[in-house]
Amino acid sequence: MLERYAKNPPEFSVLVFLFNGTIKTSEKGFLKVLAEHDFIFEAKALKEVSLVNWITQYADLHKKKIARVDAEFLLSLVGENRGMLEMQLEKIFASLGEKNEITFKEIEANVVSTKEYSIFNLQDAIGARKKTEAVKIAFQILEKDGIILLLAMLNKYFTSLMQIPEMLEQKLPEQMIARVVGTHPYYLKNFVAARKLFSDAKLLEISKVLFDSDVAVKSTSADHKTILLLLLQTIFSE
């Protein structure tokens, strides 16, 4: 029945099928007929790079400009839900009035992070040596995203801290350094300040504990909260 309909649909009719999943093949049945008539559309979920492009294009469509680094910052706050990104952009557009440029300050003033406590909050707490706050944030991220992601992001953070002295010595532009460490140029000063608190020996010690924690998570039944607490104890120990 559907195959016959797909071959010759009435001009006045509109019929939409939504399938949330993967179609293994469209080489037979009514799916083949739909494909032959270009009636199949695949809406792929956009990932980070594509979403940054989408943000800049959406801003252009509304006669607004946003720098790529600021689009990346917006994405880091809101996450990869395009509906939420659109809603936050509309909020920013309304606050801009006659201005046509979306800057870091507009984003910071108008966008509330939809990620609750994020890895950025945890990094700030670690960099400011606020142990109690860091433990609170880390446990919320653990409950929400799991320990594997948390360990990966902490490893990236401390690896970035290791790289900072060399990049500063080379007098690289701040925007380039910020891109390497994975932050907005506005927050680079927090990374530089945090680096001064950790000696090379301490960073190597933390790296070893991060590695041991990752091995423990993937090869033993050790409690993830205990693993995280031991890691944080190492990070904050003198």
C-alpha atoms as a PDB file:
ATOM      1  CA  MET A   1       0.000   0.000   0.000  1.00  0.00           C
ATOM      2  CA  LEU A   2       2.717   2.499   1.000  1.00  0.00           C
ATOM      3  CA  GLU A   3       4.753   1.520  -2.055  1.00  0.00           C
ATOM      4  CA  ARG A   4       1.812   2.261  -4.372  1.00  0.00           C
ATOM      5  CA  TYR A   5       1.203   5.580  -2.620  1.00  0.00           C
ATOM      6  CA  ALA A   6       4.887   6.566  -2.855  1.00  0.00           C
ATOM      7  CA  LYS A   7       4.923   5.900  -6.618  1.00  0.00           C
ATOM      8  CA  ASN A   8       2.095   8.334  -7.314  1.00  0.00           C
ATOM      9  CA  PRO A   9       1.116  10.517  -4.323  1.00  0.00           C
ATOM     10  CA  PRO A  10      -1.749  13.000  -4.854  1.00  0.00           C
ATOM     11  CA  GLU A  11      -0.466  16.558  -5.281  1.00  0.00           C
ATOM     12  CA  PHE A  12      -2.698  17.836  -2.474  1.00  0.00           C
ATOM     13  CA  SER A  13      -1.401  15.348   0.113  1.00  0.00           C
ATOM     14  CA  VAL A  14       1.333  15.800   2.718  1.00  0.00           C
ATOM     15  CA  LEU A  15       2.497  12.659   4.513  1.00  0.00           C
ATOM     16  CA  VAL A  16       5.487  12.693   6.847  1.00  0.00           C
ATOM     17  CA  PHE A  17       7.145   9.708   8.511  1.00  0.00           C
ATOM     18  CA  LEU A  18       9.607  10.388  11.328  1.00  0.00           C
ATOM     19  CA  PHE A  19      12.108   7.680  12.215  1.00  0.00           C
ATOM     20  CA  ASN A  20      14.531   8.307  15.058  1.00  0.00           C
ATOM     21  CA  GLY A  21      17.240   5.814  14.314  1.00  0.00           C
ATOM     22  CA  THR A  22      19.367   4.357  11.540  1.00  0.00           C
ATOM     23  CA  ILE A  23      17.875   3.017   8.318  1.00  0.00           C
ATOM     24  CA  LYS A  24      20.036   0.060   7.309  1.00  0.00           C
ATOM     25  CA  THR A  25      18.971   0.071   3.670  1.00  0.00           C
ATOM     26  CA  SER A  26      16.641   1.931   1.326  1.00  0.00           C
ATOM     27  CA  GLU A  27      17.126  -0.529  -1.528  1.00  0.00           C
ATOM     28  CA  LYS A  28      13.784  -2.300  -1.273  1.00  0.00           C
ATOM     29  CA  GLY A  29      10.092  -1.786  -0.638  1.00  0.00           C
ATOM     30  CA  PHE A  30       8.508   1.607  -0.271  1.00  0.00           C
ATOM     31  CA  LEU A  31      11.800   3.075   1.018  1.00  0.00           C
ATOM     32  CA  LYS A  32      13.370   2.381  -2.375  1.00  0.00           C
ATOM     33  CA  VAL A  33      10.506   4.209  -4.091  1.00  0.00           C
ATOM     34  CA  LEU A  34      10.829   7.154  -1.683  1.00  0.00           C
ATOM     35  CA  ALA A  35      14.578   7.324  -2.336  1.00  0.00           C
ATOM     36  CA  GLU A  36      14.061   7.249  -6.113  1.00  0.00           C
ATOM     37  CA  HIS A  37      11.723  10.253  -5.846  1.00  0.00           C
ATOM     38  CA  ASP A  38      14.017  12.145  -3.425  1.00  0.00           C
ATOM     39  CA  PHE A  39      11.420  11.912  -0.669  1.00  0.00           C
ATOM     40  CA  ILE A  40      13.907  10.775   2.001  1.00  0.00           C
ATOM     41  CA  PHE A  41      15.738  13.367   4.081  1.00  0.00           C
ATOM     42  CA  GLU A  42      18.315  12.473   6.720  1.00  0.00           C
ATOM     43  CA  ALA A  43      18.715  15.020   9.524  1.00  0.00           C
ATOM     44  CA  LYS A  44      22.058  14.178  11.106  1.00  0.00           C
ATOM     45  CA  ALA A  45      22.866  15.485  14.573  1.00  0.00           C
ATOM     46  CA  LEU A  46      25.516  18.177  14.262  1.00  0.00           C
ATOM     47  CA  LYS A  47      28.726  17.833  16.242  1.00  0.00           C
ATOM     48  CA  GLU A  48      31.059  20.476  17.666  1.00  0.00           C
ATOM     49  CA  VAL A  49      32.737  21.875  14.530  1.00  0.00           C
ATOM     50  CA  SER A  50      29.516  21.816  12.514  1.00  0.00           C
ATOM     51  CA  LEU A  51      27.619  23.456  15.375  1.00  0.00           C
ATOM     52  CA  VAL A  52      30.137  26.303  15.584  1.00  0.00           C
ATOM     53  CA  ASN A  53      29.578  26.878  11.857  1.00  0.00           C
ATOM     54  CA  TRP A  54      25.818  26.695  12.399  1.00  0.00           C
ATOM     55  CA  ILE A  55      25.993  29.328  15.168  1.00  0.00           C
ATOM     56  CA  THR A  56      27.878  31.780  12.945  1.00  0.00           C
ATOM     57  CA  GLN A  57      25.490  31.143  10.042  1.00  0.00           C
ATOM     58  CA  TYR A  58      22.427  31.565  12.268  1.00  0.00           C
ATOM     59  CA  ALA A  59      23.828  34.870  13.512  1.00  0.00           C
ATOM     60  CA  ASP A  60      24.479  36.013   9.921  1.00  0.00           C
ATOM     61  CA  LEU A  61      20.901  35.132   9.019  1.00  0.00           C
ATOM     62  CA  HIS A  62      19.734  37.549  11.725  1.00  0.00           C
ATOM     63  CA  LYS A  63      22.181  40.285  10.617  1.00  0.00           C
ATOM     64  CA  LYS A  64      24.453  39.673  13.605  1.00  0.00           C
ATOM     65  CA  LYS A  65      28.146  38.851  13.775  1.00  0.00           C
ATOM     66  CA  ILE A  66      29.898  36.477  16.146  1.00  0.00           C
ATOM     67  CA  ALA A  67      33.597  35.573  16.175  1.00  0.00           C
ATOM     68  CA  ARG A  68      34.381  31.886  15.925  1.00  0.00           C
ATOM     69  CA  VAL A  69      36.068  31.854  19.332  1.00  0.00           C
ATOM     70  CA  ASP A  70      32.912  33.341  20.888  1.00  0.00           C
ATOM     71  CA  ALA A  71      30.732  30.810  19.067  1.00  0.00           C
ATOM     72  CA  GLU A  72      32.911  28.088  20.607  1.00  0.00           C
ATOM     73  CA  PHE A  73      32.429  29.663  24.039  1.00  0.00           C
ATOM     74  CA  LEU A  74      28.643  29.727  23.570  1.00  0.00           C
ATOM     75  CA  LEU A  75      28.709  26.063  22.577  1.00  0.00           C
ATOM     76  CA  SER A  76      30.779  25.195  25.660  1.00  0.00           C
ATOM     77  CA  LEU A  77      28.108  26.765  27.881  1.00  0.00           C
ATOM     78  CA  VAL A  78      24.972  25.461  26.206  1.00  0.00           C
ATOM     79  CA  GLY A  79      26.033  22.087  24.854  1.00  0.00           C
ATOM     80  CA  GLU A  80      25.202  20.409  21.545  1.00  0.00           C
ATOM     81  CA  ASN A  81      21.396  20.707  21.655  1.00  0.00           C
ATOM     82  CA  ARG A  82      20.589  22.873  18.636  1.00  0.00           C
ATOM     83  CA  GLY A  83      17.189  23.837  20.038  1.00  0.00           C
ATOM     84  CA  MET A  84      18.807  25.184  23.206  1.00  0.00           C
ATOM     85  CA  LEU A  85      21.449  27.018  21.170  1.00  0.00           C
ATOM     86  CA  GLU A  86      18.759  28.684  19.069  1.00  0.00           C
ATOM     87  CA  MET A  87      16.839  29.728  22.184  1.00  0.00           C
ATOM     88  CA  GLN A  88      19.960  31.253  23.775  1.00  0.00           C
ATOM     89  CA  LEU A  89      20.863  33.061  20.543  1.00  0.00           C
ATOM     90  CA  GLU A  90      17.381  34.567  20.336  1.00  0.00           C
ATOM     91  CA  LYS A  91      17.794  35.791  23.906  1.00  0.00           C
ATOM     92  CA  ILE A  92      21.099  37.421  22.965  1.00  0.00           C
ATOM     93  CA  PHE A  93      19.583  39.011  19.840  1.00  0.00           C
ATOM     94  CA  ALA A  94      16.860  40.590  21.981  1.00  0.00           C
ATOM     95  CA  SER A  95      19.401  42.028  24.418  1.00  0.00           C
ATOM     96  CA  LEU A  96      21.604  43.480  21.658  1.00  0.00           C
ATOM     97  CA  GLY A  97      19.011  45.930  20.404  1.00  0.00           C
ATOM     98  CA  GLU A  98      20.552  47.910  17.531  1.00  0.00           C
ATOM     99  CA  LYS A  99      24.031  46.458  18.079  1.00  0.00           C
ATOM    100  CA  ASN A 100      25.029  43.809  15.580  1.00  0.00           C
ATOM    101  CA  GLU A 101      28.026  42.102  17.199  1.00  0.00           C
ATOM    102  CA  ILE A 102      27.763  39.260  19.706  1.00  0.00           C
ATOM    103  CA  THR A 103      30.784  39.455  21.991  1.00  0.00           C
ATOM    104  CA  PHE A 104      32.065  37.398  24.891  1.00  0.00           C
ATOM    105  CA  LYS A 105      30.519  39.868  27.346  1.00  0.00           C
ATOM    106  CA  GLU A 106      27.041  39.552  25.793  1.00  0.00           C
ATOM    107  CA  ILE A 107      27.252  35.775  25.988  1.00  0.00           C
ATOM    108  CA  GLU A 108      28.493  35.824  29.582  1.00  0.00           C
ATOM    109  CA  ALA A 109      25.758  38.287  30.608  1.00  0.00           C
ATOM    110  CA  ASN A 110      22.828  36.553  28.899  1.00  0.00           C
ATOM    111  CA  VAL A 111      23.553  32.844  28.784  1.00  0.00           C
ATOM    112  CA  VAL A 112      23.206  30.709  31.864  1.00  0.00           C
ATOM    113  CA  SER A 113      25.118  27.464  31.473  1.00  0.00           C
ATOM    114  CA  THR A 114      22.733  24.608  30.743  1.00  0.00           C
ATOM    115  CA  LYS A 115      25.383  22.120  31.841  1.00  0.00           C
ATOM    116  CA  GLU A 116      24.885  22.916  35.538  1.00  0.00           C
ATOM    117  CA  TYR A 117      28.359  22.561  37.035  1.00  0.00           C
ATOM    118  CA  SER A 118      30.690  22.132  34.084  1.00  0.00           C
ATOM    119  CA  ILE A 119      34.282  21.052  33.725  1.00  0.00           C
ATOM    120  CA  PHE A 120      35.155  24.765  33.431  1.00  0.00           C
ATOM    121  CA  ASN A 121      33.816  25.383  36.940  1.00  0.00           C
ATOM    122  CA  LEU A 122      35.893  22.459  38.187  1.00  0.00           C
ATOM    123  CA  GLN A 123      39.012  23.816  36.500  1.00  0.00           C
ATOM    124  CA  ASP A 124      38.450  27.228  38.084  1.00  0.00           C
ATOM    125  CA  ALA A 125      38.005  25.656  41.527  1.00  0.00           C
ATOM    126  CA  ILE A 126      41.197  23.614  41.119  1.00  0.00           C
ATOM    127  CA  GLY A 127      43.111  26.634  39.826  1.00  0.00           C
ATOM    128  CA  ALA A 128      41.941  28.700  42.807  1.00  0.00           C
ATOM    129  CA  ARG A 129      42.794  25.857  45.243  1.00  0.00           C
ATOM    130  CA  LYS A 130      39.191  25.678  46.472  1.00  0.00           C
ATOM    131  CA  LYS A 131      39.118  22.039  47.534  1.00  0.00           C
ATOM    132  CA  THR A 132      35.607  21.898  49.014  1.00  0.00           C
ATOM    133  CA  GLU A 133      34.083  23.525  45.943  1.00  0.00           C
ATOM    134  CA  ALA A 134      36.097  21.302  43.602  1.00  0.00           C
ATOM    135  CA  VAL A 135      34.904  18.138  45.370  1.00  0.00           C
ATOM    136  CA  LYS A 136      31.275  19.294  45.171  1.00  0.00           C
ATOM    137  CA  ILE A 137      31.502  20.085  41.457  1.00  0.00           C
ATOM    138  CA  ALA A 138      33.466  16.927  40.634  1.00  0.00           C
ATOM    139  CA  PHE A 139      30.868  14.710  42.292  1.00  0.00           C
ATOM    140  CA  GLN A 140      28.031  16.373  40.391  1.00  0.00           C
ATOM    141  CA  ILE A 141      29.868  15.846  37.098  1.00  0.00           C
ATOM    142  CA  LEU A 142      30.561  12.244  38.145  1.00  0.00           C
ATOM    143  CA  GLU A 143      26.844  11.611  38.717  1.00  0.00           C
ATOM    144  CA  LYS A 144      25.840  13.299  35.461  1.00  0.00           C
ATOM    145  CA  ASP A 145      28.524  12.307  32.953  1.00  0.00           C
ATOM    146  CA  GLY A 146      30.449   9.442  34.536  1.00  0.00           C
ATOM    147  CA  ILE A 147      34.061   9.109  35.585  1.00  0.00           C
ATOM    148  CA  ILE A 148      35.622   8.281  32.193  1.00  0.00           C
ATOM    149  CA  LEU A 149      34.668  11.659  30.722  1.00  0.00           C
ATOM    150  CA  LEU A 150      35.698  13.411  33.949  1.00  0.00           C
ATOM    151  CA  LEU A 151      39.141  11.785  33.952  1.00  0.00           C
ATOM    152  CA  ALA A 152      39.627  12.610  30.268  1.00  0.00           C
ATOM    153  CA  MET A 153      38.812  16.285  30.805  1.00  0.00           C
ATOM    154  CA  LEU A 154      41.051  16.531  33.879  1.00  0.00           C
ATOM    155  CA  ASN A 155      43.872  14.898  31.944  1.00  0.00           C
ATOM    156  CA  LYS A 156      43.412  17.475  29.171  1.00  0.00           C
ATOM    157  CA  TYR A 157      43.432  20.295  31.739  1.00  0.00           C
ATOM    158  CA  PHE A 158      46.673  19.257  33.424  1.00  0.00           C
ATOM    159  CA  THR A 159      48.320  18.461  30.083  1.00  0.00           C
ATOM    160  CA  SER A 160      47.418  22.001  29.009  1.00  0.00           C
ATOM    161  CA  LEU A 161      48.990  23.421  32.177  1.00  0.00           C
ATOM    162  CA  MET A 162      52.210  21.590  31.323  1.00  0.00           C
ATOM    163  CA  GLN A 163      52.304  23.217  27.876  1.00  0.00           C
ATOM    164  CA  ILE A 164      51.760  26.808  29.013  1.00  0.00           C
ATOM    165  CA  PRO A 165      55.336  27.788  30.047  1.00  0.00           C
ATOM    166  CA  GLU A 166      56.791  26.726  26.697  1.00  0.00           C
ATOM    167  CA  MET A 167      54.118  28.598  24.723  1.00  0.00           C
ATOM    168  CA  LEU A 168      54.603  31.730  26.832  1.00  0.00           C
ATOM    169  CA  GLU A 169      58.353  31.485  26.337  1.00  0.00           C
ATOM    170  CA  GLN A 170      57.787  31.346  22.570  1.00  0.00           C
ATOM    171  CA  LYS A 171      55.641  34.492  22.892  1.00  0.00           C
ATOM    172  CA  LEU A 172      52.757  32.925  20.992  1.00  0.00           C
ATOM    173  CA  PRO A 173      49.583  35.043  20.610  1.00  0.00           C
ATOM    174  CA  GLU A 174      47.136  34.621  23.486  1.00  0.00           C
ATOM    175  CA  GLN A 175      44.387  33.481  21.131  1.00  0.00           C
ATOM    176  CA  MET A 176      46.614  30.675  19.822  1.00  0.00           C
ATOM    177  CA  ILE A 177      47.566  29.585  23.339  1.00  0.00           C
ATOM    178  CA  ALA A 178      43.911  29.630  24.393  1.00  0.00           C
ATOM    179  CA  ARG A 179      42.987  27.449  21.422  1.00  0.00           C
ATOM    180  CA  VAL A 180      45.685  24.905  22.292  1.00  0.00           C
ATOM    181  CA  VAL A 181      44.602  24.642  25.931  1.00  0.00           C
ATOM    182  CA  GLY A 182      40.926  24.584  24.957  1.00  0.00           C
ATOM    183  CA  THR A 183      39.622  27.748  26.567  1.00  0.00           C
ATOM    184  CA  HIS A 184      38.421  31.234  25.661  1.00  0.00           C
ATOM    185  CA  PRO A 185      41.177  33.905  25.581  1.00  0.00           C
ATOM    186  CA  TYR A 186      39.325  35.717  28.377  1.00  0.00           C
ATOM    187  CA  TYR A 187      39.905  32.720  30.677  1.00  0.00           C
ATOM    188  CA  LEU A 188      43.516  32.110  29.675  1.00  0.00           C
ATOM    189  CA  LYS A 189      44.708  34.159  32.647  1.00  0.00           C
ATOM    190  CA  ASN A 190      43.122  31.548  34.943  1.00  0.00           C
ATOM    191  CA  PHE A 191      45.207  28.808  33.323  1.00  0.00           C
ATOM    192  CA  VAL A 192      48.382  30.893  33.590  1.00  0.00           C
ATOM    193  CA  ALA A 193      47.676  31.600  37.269  1.00  0.00           C
ATOM    194  CA  ALA A 194      46.905  27.929  37.937  1.00  0.00           C
ATOM    195  CA  ARG A 195      50.152  26.838  36.280  1.00  0.00           C
ATOM    196  CA  LYS A 196      52.125  28.871  38.826  1.00  0.00           C
ATOM    197  CA  LEU A 197      50.582  26.801  41.625  1.00  0.00           C
ATOM    198  CA  PHE A 198      51.775  23.454  40.265  1.00  0.00           C
ATOM    199  CA  SER A 199      55.443  22.540  39.959  1.00  0.00           C
ATOM    200  CA  ASP A 200      56.629  20.264  37.165  1.00  0.00           C
ATOM    201  CA  ALA A 201      57.090  17.477  39.712  1.00  0.00           C
ATOM    202  CA  LYS A 202      53.544  17.946  41.015  1.00  0.00           C
ATOM    203  CA  LEU A 203      52.079  17.846  37.508  1.00  0.00           C
ATOM    204  CA  LEU A 204      53.954  14.613  36.807  1.00  0.00           C
ATOM    205  CA  GLU A 205      52.591  13.144  40.053  1.00  0.00           C
ATOM    206  CA  ILE A 206      49.034  14.144  39.076  1.00  0.00           C
ATOM    207  CA  SER A 207      49.516  12.674  35.599  1.00  0.00           C
ATOM    208  CA  LYS A 208      50.579   9.343  37.111  1.00  0.00           C
ATOM    209  CA  VAL A 209      47.558   9.267  39.431  1.00  0.00           C
ATOM    210  CA  LEU A 210      45.271  10.150  36.509  1.00  0.00           C
ATOM    211  CA  PHE A 211      46.729   7.216  34.564  1.00  0.00           C
ATOM    212  CA  ASP A 212      46.356   4.862  37.544  1.00  0.00           C
ATOM    213  CA  SER A 213      42.769   6.075  38.051  1.00  0.00           C
ATOM    214  CA  ASP A 214      41.922   5.390  34.410  1.00  0.00           C
ATOM    215  CA  VAL A 215      43.384   1.880  34.638  1.00  0.00           C
ATOM    216  CA  ALA A 216      41.467   1.207  37.872  1.00  0.00           C
ATOM    217  CA  VAL A 217      38.169   2.332  36.324  1.00  0.00           C
ATOM    218  CA  LYS A 218      38.619   0.188  33.218  1.00  0.00           C
ATOM    219  CA  SER A 219      40.105  -2.945  34.771  1.00  0.00           C
ATOM    220  CA  THR A 220      38.724  -3.234  38.316  1.00  0.00           C
ATOM    221  CA  SER A 221      35.436  -2.917  40.178  1.00  0.00           C
ATOM    222  CA  ALA A 222      36.786  -0.153  42.424  1.00  0.00           C
ATOM    223  CA  ASP A 223      34.234   2.424  43.562  1.00  0.00           C
ATOM    224  CA  HIS A 224      34.343   5.452  41.270  1.00  0.00           C
ATOM    225  CA  LYS A 225      33.740   7.919  44.101  1.00  0.00           C
ATOM    226  CA  THR A 226      36.709   6.516  46.004  1.00  0.00           C
ATOM    227  CA  ILE A 227      38.911   6.763  42.912  1.00  0.00           C
ATOM    228  CA  LEU A 228      37.839  10.378  42.408  1.00  0.00           C
ATOM    229  CA  LEU A 229      38.456  11.317  46.046  1.00  0.00           C
ATOM    230  CA  LEU A 230      41.968   9.847  45.963  1.00  0.00           C
ATOM    231  CA  LEU A 231      42.682  11.774  42.767  1.00  0.00           C
ATOM    232  CA  LEU A 232      41.445  15.055  44.256  1.00  0.00           C
ATOM    233  CA  GLN A 233      43.479  14.395  47.392  1.00  0.00           C
ATOM    234  CA  THR A 234      46.597  14.147  45.223  1.00  0.00           C
ATOM    235  CA  ILE A 235      45.715  17.310  43.310  1.00  0.00           C
ATOM    236  CA  PHE A 236      45.254  19.373  46.479  1.00  0.00           C
ATOM    237  CA  SER A 237      48.058  17.880  48.571  1.00  0.00           C
ATOM    238  CA  GLU A 238      51.144  20.027  49.095  1.00  0.00           C
END
